[in-house]
Amino acid sequence: MVSLGFDIEEPSEIIKDVKAKLQPAVRDKVDKLAFGDLKIAANIEASDNALLSWKEFIGKIKEATKGAAFYAAPLTNKGVINR
């Protein structure tokens, strides 16, 4: 098997994993996320005792993407994404 340096997961498995981190009332909203946000969300940690609200969940995605945008941005101030 050839490894490309990253894991390729089925989108349905990622969606299932992400939904398990959320409160039941907001799980259907996951279907509206972009695939890139789903990949970020898959790395968010949540305990079974404290499932995330939608607001908390989106906040964690934004927090993660701000850090990524800062490090991936070119050396000019025009390249930083404002999410």
Protein backbone atom coordinates (compact mmCIF):
# COMPACT_ATOMS: atom_id res chain seq x y z
CA MET A 1 0.00 0.00 0.00
CA VAL A 2 1.30 3.46 -0.90
CA SER A 3 1.05 6.19 1.73
CA LEU A 4 0.67 9.77 0.60
CA GLY A 5 1.43 11.23 4.02
CA PHE A 6 -2.17 11.85 5.04
CA ASP A 7 -5.17 9.77 5.96
CA ILE A 8 -7.98 9.42 3.49
CA GLU A 9 -11.23 8.77 5.26
CA GLU A 10 -14.69 8.27 3.90
CA PRO A 11 -16.73 11.47 4.30
CA SER A 12 -19.54 9.44 5.88
CA GLU A 13 -17.15 8.22 8.60
CA ILE A 14 -15.95 11.76 9.28
CA ILE A 15 -19.54 13.03 9.48
CA LYS A 16 -20.47 10.22 11.87
CA ASP A 17 -17.47 11.01 14.08
CA VAL A 18 -18.21 14.75 14.12
CA LYS A 19 -21.91 14.27 14.89
CA ALA A 20 -20.97 12.15 17.92
CA LYS A 21 -19.30 15.21 19.46
CA LEU A 22 -22.42 17.37 19.27
CA GLN A 23 -25.60 17.69 21.23
CA PRO A 24 -28.37 15.65 19.55
CA ALA A 25 -30.46 18.72 18.69
CA VAL A 26 -27.76 20.18 16.41
CA ARG A 27 -26.26 17.09 14.76
CA ASP A 28 -28.12 17.60 11.48
CA LYS A 29 -26.32 20.92 10.94
CA VAL A 30 -23.08 19.00 10.28
CA ASP A 31 -24.38 18.08 6.82
CA LYS A 32 -24.06 21.77 5.82
CA LEU A 33 -20.34 22.05 6.61
CA ALA A 34 -17.68 22.19 3.93
CA PHE A 35 -15.40 19.16 3.74
CA GLY A 36 -12.41 21.19 4.95
CA ASP A 37 -14.32 22.23 8.06
CA LEU A 38 -15.34 18.61 8.61
CA LYS A 39 -11.69 17.54 8.56
CA ILE A 40 -10.90 20.20 11.16
CA ALA A 41 -13.94 19.21 13.22
CA ALA A 42 -12.83 15.58 13.21
CA ASN A 43 -9.83 16.64 15.30
CA ILE A 44 -11.87 18.56 17.87
CA GLU A 45 -12.03 16.79 21.19
CA ALA A 46 -15.27 16.48 23.11
CA SER A 47 -16.13 14.18 25.97
CA ASP A 48 -19.29 12.10 26.17
CA ASN A 49 -20.16 13.98 29.34
CA ALA A 50 -19.98 17.40 27.66
CA LEU A 51 -21.25 17.27 24.10
CA LEU A 52 -20.75 20.54 22.25
CA SER A 53 -23.43 23.04 21.36
CA TRP A 54 -23.38 24.37 17.79
CA LYS A 55 -21.97 27.70 18.99
CA GLU A 56 -19.13 26.00 20.88
CA PHE A 57 -18.46 23.71 17.93
CA ILE A 58 -18.24 26.52 15.35
CA GLY A 59 -16.07 28.50 17.78
CA LYS A 60 -13.59 25.62 17.93
CA ILE A 61 -13.48 25.37 14.13
CA LYS A 62 -12.87 29.11 13.82
CA GLU A 63 -10.17 28.95 16.49
CA ALA A 64 -8.41 26.16 14.62
CA THR A 65 -8.66 27.85 11.23
CA LYS A 66 -7.38 31.19 12.55
CA GLY A 67 -4.21 29.50 13.70
CA ALA A 68 -3.86 27.64 10.41
CA ALA A 69 -4.50 30.78 8.38
CA PHE A 70 -1.87 32.67 10.33
CA TYR A 71 0.82 30.06 9.68
CA ALA A 72 -0.17 29.42 6.05
CA ALA A 73 -0.48 33.09 5.09
CA PRO A 74 2.12 34.73 2.89
CA LEU A 75 4.40 37.29 4.46
CA THR A 76 2.11 40.14 3.45
CA ASN A 77 -0.87 41.28 5.50
CA LYS A 78 -3.23 40.63 2.56
CA GLY A 79 -3.01 36.84 2.86
CA VAL A 80 -4.53 36.33 6.29
CA ILE A 81 -8.09 35.05 6.20
CA ASN A 82 -10.50 36.88 8.47
CA ARG A 83 -13.03 34.28 9.58
